[in-house]
Amino acid sequence: QAAGVAASVRAGAARLSFHLYNTEEEVDS
């Protein structure tokens, strides 16, 4: 939230799913 990232977090757990449209720079961010 502080970083302005829209993410789904449930019960304190986040699920990140990487795909074709993602980049190494996004991972590093």
PDB file of all heavy atoms in Angstrom:
ATOM      1  N   GLN A   1       0.829  -1.204   0.000  1.00  0.00           N
ATOM      2  CA  GLN A   1       0.000   0.000   0.000  1.00  0.00           C
ATOM      3  C   GLN A   1       0.864   1.255   0.000  1.00  0.00           C
ATOM      4  O   GLN A   1       0.601   2.200  -0.748  1.00  0.00           O
ATOM      5  CB  GLN A   1      -0.938   0.012   1.210  1.00  0.00           C
ATOM      6  CG  GLN A   1      -2.107  -0.930   1.080  1.00  0.00           C
ATOM      7  CD  GLN A   1      -3.033  -0.870   2.280  1.00  0.00           C
ATOM      8  OE1 GLN A   1      -3.033   0.095   3.042  1.00  0.00           O
ATOM      9  NE2 GLN A   1      -3.819  -1.916   2.463  1.00  0.00           N
ATOM     10  N   ALA A   2       1.895   1.290   0.839  1.00  0.00           N
ATOM     11  CA  ALA A   2       2.777   2.452   0.929  1.00  0.00           C
ATOM     12  C   ALA A   2       3.500   2.708  -0.388  1.00  0.00           C
ATOM     13  O   ALA A   2       3.795   3.857  -0.734  1.00  0.00           O
ATOM     14  CB  ALA A   2       3.789   2.266   2.060  1.00  0.00           C
ATOM     15  N   ALA A   3       3.778   1.656  -1.146  1.00  0.00           N
ATOM     16  CA  ALA A   3       4.475   1.787  -2.428  1.00  0.00           C
ATOM     17  C   ALA A   3       3.509   2.029  -3.582  1.00  0.00           C
ATOM     18  O   ALA A   3       3.935   2.202  -4.720  1.00  0.00           O
ATOM     19  CB  ALA A   3       5.305   0.532  -2.700  1.00  0.00           C
ATOM     20  N   GLY A   4       2.203   2.016  -3.293  1.00  0.00           N
ATOM     21  CA  GLY A   4       1.214   2.230  -4.345  1.00  0.00           C
ATOM     22  C   GLY A   4       0.994   1.020  -5.230  1.00  0.00           C
ATOM     23  O   GLY A   4       0.555   1.149  -6.362  1.00  0.00           O
ATOM     24  N   VAL A   5       1.308  -0.159  -4.706  1.00  0.00           N
ATOM     25  CA  VAL A   5       1.144  -1.391  -5.465  1.00  0.00           C
ATOM     26  C   VAL A   5      -0.216  -1.998  -5.144  1.00  0.00           C
ATOM     27  O   VAL A   5      -0.536  -2.215  -3.976  1.00  0.00           O
ATOM     28  CB  VAL A   5       2.261  -2.412  -5.120  1.00  0.00           C
ATOM     29  CG1 VAL A   5       2.009  -3.746  -5.795  1.00  0.00           C
ATOM     30  CG2 VAL A   5       3.617  -1.850  -5.498  1.00  0.00           C
ATOM     31  N   ALA A   6      -1.001  -2.251  -6.181  1.00  0.00           N
ATOM     32  CA  ALA A   6      -2.278  -2.934  -5.989  1.00  0.00           C
ATOM     33  C   ALA A   6      -1.996  -4.422  -5.953  1.00  0.00           C
ATOM     34  O   ALA A   6      -1.529  -4.999  -6.935  1.00  0.00           O
ATOM     35  CB  ALA A   6      -3.238  -2.603  -7.119  1.00  0.00           C
ATOM     36  N   ALA A   7      -2.220  -5.025  -4.808  1.00  0.00           N
ATOM     37  CA  ALA A   7      -1.933  -6.450  -4.648  1.00  0.00           C
ATOM     38  C   ALA A   7      -3.002  -7.087  -3.785  1.00  0.00           C
ATOM     39  O   ALA A   7      -3.612  -6.427  -2.946  1.00  0.00           O
ATOM     40  CB  ALA A   7      -0.562  -6.641  -4.006  1.00  0.00           C
ATOM     41  N   SER A   8      -3.199  -8.353  -4.006  1.00  0.00           N
ATOM     42  CA  SER A   8      -4.145  -9.109  -3.205  1.00  0.00           C
ATOM     43  C   SER A   8      -3.384  -9.817  -2.094  1.00  0.00           C
ATOM     44  O   SER A   8      -2.535 -10.666  -2.353  1.00  0.00           O
ATOM     45  CB  SER A   8      -4.869 -10.130  -4.085  1.00  0.00           C
ATOM     46  OG  SER A   8      -5.760 -10.885  -3.307  1.00  0.00           O
ATOM     47  N   VAL A   9      -3.685  -9.424  -0.865  1.00  0.00           N
ATOM     48  CA  VAL A   9      -3.057 -10.031   0.300  1.00  0.00           C
ATOM     49  C   VAL A   9      -4.188 -10.557   1.175  1.00  0.00           C
ATOM     50  O   VAL A   9      -5.092  -9.817   1.537  1.00  0.00           O
ATOM     51  CB  VAL A   9      -2.192  -9.019   1.074  1.00  0.00           C
ATOM     52  CG1 VAL A   9      -1.572  -9.669   2.299  1.00  0.00           C
ATOM     53  CG2 VAL A   9      -1.113  -8.435   0.177  1.00  0.00           C
ATOM     54  N   ARG A  10      -4.117 -11.834   1.484  1.00  0.00           N
ATOM     55  CA  ARG A  10      -5.147 -12.444   2.332  1.00  0.00           C
ATOM     56  C   ARG A  10      -4.490 -13.096   3.529  1.00  0.00           C
ATOM     57  O   ARG A  10      -3.541 -13.875   3.369  1.00  0.00           O
ATOM     58  CB  ARG A  10      -5.932 -13.474   1.531  1.00  0.00           C
ATOM     59  CG  ARG A  10      -6.785 -12.832   0.440  1.00  0.00           C
ATOM     60  CD  ARG A  10      -7.616 -13.888  -0.282  1.00  0.00           C
ATOM     61  NE  ARG A  10      -8.443 -13.283  -1.300  1.00  0.00           N
ATOM     62  CZ  ARG A  10      -8.070 -13.045  -2.548  1.00  0.00           C
ATOM     63  NH1 ARG A  10      -6.842 -13.334  -2.931  1.00  0.00           N
ATOM     64  NH2 ARG A  10      -8.901 -12.490  -3.403  1.00  0.00           N
ATOM     65  N   ALA A  11      -4.989 -12.739   4.705  1.00  0.00           N
ATOM     66  CA  ALA A  11      -4.483 -13.301   5.967  1.00  0.00           C
ATOM     67  C   ALA A  11      -2.966 -13.133   6.067  1.00  0.00           C
ATOM     68  O   ALA A  11      -2.262 -14.009   6.530  1.00  0.00           O
ATOM     69  CB  ALA A  11      -4.885 -14.769   6.102  1.00  0.00           C
ATOM     70  N   GLY A  12      -2.459 -12.001   5.598  1.00  0.00           N
ATOM     71  CA  GLY A  12      -1.032 -11.707   5.687  1.00  0.00           C
ATOM     72  C   GLY A  12      -0.168 -12.369   4.632  1.00  0.00           C
ATOM     73  O   GLY A  12       1.045 -12.234   4.653  1.00  0.00           O
ATOM     74  N   ALA A  13      -0.779 -13.082   3.699  1.00  0.00           N
ATOM     75  CA  ALA A  13      -0.004 -13.783   2.666  1.00  0.00           C
ATOM     76  C   ALA A  13      -0.283 -13.163   1.297  1.00  0.00           C
ATOM     77  O   ALA A  13      -1.423 -12.872   0.949  1.00  0.00           O
ATOM     78  CB  ALA A  13      -0.351 -15.261   2.646  1.00  0.00           C
ATOM     79  N   ALA A  14       0.781 -12.951   0.538  1.00  0.00           N
ATOM     80  CA  ALA A  14       0.667 -12.427  -0.821  1.00  0.00           C
ATOM     81  C   ALA A  14       1.035 -13.528  -1.799  1.00  0.00           C
ATOM     82  O   ALA A  14       1.908 -14.351  -1.530  1.00  0.00           O
ATOM     83  CB  ALA A  14       1.596 -11.234  -1.013  1.00  0.00           C
ATOM     84  N   ARG A  15       0.368 -13.523  -2.934  1.00  0.00           N
ATOM     85  CA  ARG A  15       0.647 -14.486  -3.998  1.00  0.00           C
ATOM     86  C   ARG A  15       1.144 -13.706  -5.190  1.00  0.00           C
ATOM     87  O   ARG A  15       0.420 -12.886  -5.751  1.00  0.00           O
ATOM     88  CB  ARG A  15      -0.619 -15.259  -4.360  1.00  0.00           C
ATOM     89  CG  ARG A  15      -0.441 -16.257  -5.477  1.00  0.00           C
ATOM     90  CD  ARG A  15      -1.793 -16.868  -5.833  1.00  0.00           C
ATOM     91  NE  ARG A  15      -1.701 -17.837  -6.880  1.00  0.00           N
ATOM     92  CZ  ARG A  15      -1.797 -17.572  -8.178  1.00  0.00           C
ATOM     93  NH1 ARG A  15      -1.983 -16.330  -8.583  1.00  0.00           N
ATOM     94  NH2 ARG A  15      -1.715 -18.526  -9.070  1.00  0.00           N
ATOM     95  N   LEU A  16       2.394 -13.953  -5.571  1.00  0.00           N
ATOM     96  CA  LEU A  16       2.976 -13.303  -6.735  1.00  0.00           C
ATOM     97  C   LEU A  16       3.085 -14.334  -7.842  1.00  0.00           C
ATOM     98  O   LEU A  16       3.595 -15.425  -7.629  1.00  0.00           O
ATOM     99  CB  LEU A  16       4.360 -12.743  -6.399  1.00  0.00           C
ATOM    100  CG  LEU A  16       4.369 -11.593  -5.401  1.00  0.00           C
ATOM    101  CD1 LEU A  16       4.431 -12.126  -3.984  1.00  0.00           C
ATOM    102  CD2 LEU A  16       5.524 -10.684  -5.678  1.00  0.00           C
ATOM    103  N   SER A  17       2.587 -13.972  -9.009  1.00  0.00           N
ATOM    104  CA  SER A  17       2.597 -14.886 -10.147  1.00  0.00           C
ATOM    105  C   SER A  17       3.277 -14.185 -11.318  1.00  0.00           C
ATOM    106  O   SER A  17       2.778 -13.182 -11.821  1.00  0.00           O
ATOM    107  CB  SER A  17       1.157 -15.255 -10.509  1.00  0.00           C
ATOM    108  OG  SER A  17       1.141 -16.147 -11.592  1.00  0.00           O
ATOM    109  N   PHE A  18       4.418 -14.698 -11.727  1.00  0.00           N
ATOM    110  CA  PHE A  18       5.213 -14.083 -12.775  1.00  0.00           C
ATOM    111  C   PHE A  18       4.835 -14.675 -14.131  1.00  0.00           C
ATOM    112  O   PHE A  18       4.558 -15.867 -14.240  1.00  0.00           O
ATOM    113  CB  PHE A  18       6.699 -14.283 -12.481  1.00  0.00           C
ATOM    114  CG  PHE A  18       7.101 -13.627 -11.184  1.00  0.00           C
ATOM    115  CD1 PHE A  18       7.095 -14.333  -9.995  1.00  0.00           C
ATOM    116  CD2 PHE A  18       7.449 -12.294 -11.167  1.00  0.00           C
ATOM    117  CE1 PHE A  18       7.441 -13.720  -8.798  1.00  0.00           C
ATOM    118  CE2 PHE A  18       7.799 -11.668  -9.974  1.00  0.00           C
ATOM    119  CZ  PHE A  18       7.792 -12.387  -8.794  1.00  0.00           C
ATOM    120  N   HIS A  19       4.842 -13.806 -15.163  1.00  0.00           N
ATOM    121  CA  HIS A  19       4.430 -14.279 -16.483  1.00  0.00           C
ATOM    122  C   HIS A  19       5.209 -13.556 -17.578  1.00  0.00           C
ATOM    123  O   HIS A  19       6.069 -12.724 -17.300  1.00  0.00           O
ATOM    124  CB  HIS A  19       2.929 -14.094 -16.678  1.00  0.00           C
ATOM    125  CG  HIS A  19       2.317 -15.138 -17.570  1.00  0.00           C
ATOM    126  ND1 HIS A  19       2.907 -15.593 -18.730  1.00  0.00           N
ATOM    127  CD2 HIS A  19       1.148 -15.819 -17.480  1.00  0.00           C
ATOM    128  CE1 HIS A  19       2.136 -16.490 -19.310  1.00  0.00           C
ATOM    129  NE2 HIS A  19       1.061 -16.641 -18.571  1.00  0.00           N
ATOM    130  N   LEU A  20       4.874 -13.881 -18.798  1.00  0.00           N
ATOM    131  CA  LEU A  20       5.563 -13.399 -19.985  1.00  0.00           C
ATOM    132  C   LEU A  20       5.717 -11.881 -20.007  1.00  0.00           C
ATOM    133  O   LEU A  20       6.733 -11.350 -20.433  1.00  0.00           O
ATOM    134  CB  LEU A  20       4.802 -13.868 -21.232  1.00  0.00           C
ATOM    135  CG  LEU A  20       5.333 -13.424 -22.577  1.00  0.00           C
ATOM    136  CD1 LEU A  20       6.755 -13.944 -22.790  1.00  0.00           C
ATOM    137  CD2 LEU A  20       4.425 -13.916 -23.689  1.00  0.00           C
ATOM    138  N   TYR A  21       4.706 -11.172 -19.546  1.00  0.00           N
ATOM    139  CA  TYR A  21       4.707  -9.711 -19.610  1.00  0.00           C
ATOM    140  C   TYR A  21       5.515  -9.061 -18.486  1.00  0.00           C
ATOM    141  O   TYR A  21       5.648  -7.840 -18.462  1.00  0.00           O
ATOM    142  CB  TYR A  21       3.269  -9.168 -19.598  1.00  0.00           C
ATOM    143  CG  TYR A  21       2.380  -9.875 -18.606  1.00  0.00           C
ATOM    144  CD1 TYR A  21       2.451  -9.604 -17.249  1.00  0.00           C
ATOM    145  CD2 TYR A  21       1.488 -10.843 -19.046  1.00  0.00           C
ATOM    146  CE1 TYR A  21       1.652 -10.265 -16.348  1.00  0.00           C
ATOM    147  CE2 TYR A  21       0.673 -11.511 -18.150  1.00  0.00           C
ATOM    148  CZ  TYR A  21       0.766 -11.215 -16.800  1.00  0.00           C
ATOM    149  OH  TYR A  21      -0.028 -11.885 -15.913  1.00  0.00           O
ATOM    150  N   ASN A  22       6.046  -9.838 -17.541  1.00  0.00           N
ATOM    151  CA  ASN A  22       6.870  -9.291 -16.466  1.00  0.00           C
ATOM    152  C   ASN A  22       8.337  -9.252 -16.871  1.00  0.00           C
ATOM    153  O   ASN A  22       8.785 -10.033 -17.710  1.00  0.00           O
ATOM    154  CB  ASN A  22       6.710 -10.117 -15.181  1.00  0.00           C
ATOM    155  CG  ASN A  22       5.305 -10.042 -14.627  1.00  0.00           C
ATOM    156  OD1 ASN A  22       4.646 -11.055 -14.490  1.00  0.00           O
ATOM    157  ND2 ASN A  22       4.840  -8.850 -14.322  1.00  0.00           N
ATOM    158  N   THR A  23       9.071  -8.335 -16.242  1.00  0.00           N
ATOM    159  CA  THR A  23      10.489  -8.149 -16.546  1.00  0.00           C
ATOM    160  C   THR A  23      11.338  -8.309 -15.292  1.00  0.00           C
ATOM    161  O   THR A  23      10.818  -8.254 -14.167  1.00  0.00           O
ATOM    162  CB  THR A  23      10.738  -6.743 -17.113  1.00  0.00           C
ATOM    163  OG1 THR A  23      10.460  -5.771 -16.080  1.00  0.00           O
ATOM    164  CG2 THR A  23       9.880  -6.471 -18.339  1.00  0.00           C
ATOM    165  N   GLU A  24      12.636  -8.472 -15.494  1.00  0.00           N
ATOM    166  CA  GLU A  24      13.563  -8.537 -14.362  1.00  0.00           C
ATOM    167  C   GLU A  24      13.518  -7.236 -13.566  1.00  0.00           C
ATOM    168  O   GLU A  24      13.629  -7.252 -12.345  1.00  0.00           O
ATOM    169  CB  GLU A  24      14.982  -8.817 -14.851  1.00  0.00           C
ATOM    170  CG  GLU A  24      15.171 -10.218 -15.375  1.00  0.00           C
ATOM    171  CD  GLU A  24      16.593 -10.501 -15.822  1.00  0.00           C
ATOM    172  OE1 GLU A  24      17.417  -9.559 -15.918  1.00  0.00           O
ATOM    173  OE2 GLU A  24      16.888 -11.688 -16.078  1.00  0.00           O
ATOM    174  N   GLU A  25      13.354  -6.113 -14.245  1.00  0.00           N
ATOM    175  CA  GLU A  25      13.285  -4.818 -13.561  1.00  0.00           C
ATOM    176  C   GLU A  25      12.074  -4.752 -12.630  1.00  0.00           C
ATOM    177  O   GLU A  25      12.167  -4.195 -11.528  1.00  0.00           O
ATOM    178  CB  GLU A  25      13.238  -3.673 -14.581  1.00  0.00           C
ATOM    179  CG  GLU A  25      14.516  -3.493 -15.369  1.00  0.00           C
ATOM    180  CD  GLU A  25      14.722  -4.494 -16.511  1.00  0.00           C
ATOM    181  OE1 GLU A  25      13.749  -5.169 -16.932  1.00  0.00           O
ATOM    182  OE2 GLU A  25      15.870  -4.625 -16.965  1.00  0.00           O
ATOM    183  N   GLU A  26      10.970  -5.337 -13.043  1.00  0.00           N
ATOM    184  CA  GLU A  26       9.789  -5.361 -12.182  1.00  0.00           C
ATOM    185  C   GLU A  26      10.030  -6.239 -10.960  1.00  0.00           C
ATOM    186  O   GLU A  26       9.624  -5.895  -9.844  1.00  0.00           O
ATOM    187  CB  GLU A  26       8.568  -5.841 -12.960  1.00  0.00           C
ATOM    188  CG  GLU A  26       8.099  -4.836 -13.989  1.00  0.00           C
ATOM    189  CD  GLU A  26       7.027  -5.362 -14.907  1.00  0.00           C
ATOM    190  OE1 GLU A  26       7.057  -6.554 -15.281  1.00  0.00           O
ATOM    191  OE2 GLU A  26       6.157  -4.557 -15.264  1.00  0.00           O
ATOM    192  N   VAL A  27      10.696  -7.362 -11.164  1.00  0.00           N
ATOM    193  CA  VAL A  27      11.038  -8.233 -10.037  1.00  0.00           C
ATOM    194  C   VAL A  27      11.913  -7.455  -9.051  1.00  0.00           C
ATOM    195  O   VAL A  27      11.675  -7.464  -7.838  1.00  0.00           O
ATOM    196  CB  VAL A  27      11.765  -9.511 -10.514  1.00  0.00           C
ATOM    197  CG1 VAL A  27      12.283 -10.314  -9.333  1.00  0.00           C
ATOM    198  CG2 VAL A  27      10.845 -10.354 -11.377  1.00  0.00           C
ATOM    199  N   ASP A  28      12.917  -6.761  -9.569  1.00  0.00           N
ATOM    200  CA  ASP A  28      13.815  -5.990  -8.709  1.00  0.00           C
ATOM    201  C   ASP A  28      13.069  -4.882  -7.969  1.00  0.00           C
ATOM    202  O   ASP A  28      13.374  -4.593  -6.809  1.00  0.00           O
ATOM    203  CB  ASP A  28      14.962  -5.405  -9.531  1.00  0.00           C
ATOM    204  CG  ASP A  28      15.868  -6.483 -10.109  1.00  0.00           C
ATOM    205  OD1 ASP A  28      15.826  -7.647  -9.625  1.00  0.00           O
ATOM    206  OD2 ASP A  28      16.621  -6.170 -11.048  1.00  0.00           O
ATOM    207  N   SER A  29      12.072  -4.278  -8.611  1.00  0.00           N
ATOM    208  CA  SER A  29      11.272  -3.248  -7.953  1.00  0.00           C
ATOM    209  C   SER A  29      10.507  -3.812  -6.763  1.00  0.00           C
ATOM    210  O   SER A  29      10.441  -3.194  -5.701  1.00  0.00           O
ATOM    211  CB  SER A  29      10.280  -2.616  -8.939  1.00  0.00           C
ATOM    212  OG  SER A  29      10.964  -1.894  -9.923  1.00  0.00           O
TER     213      SER A  29
END
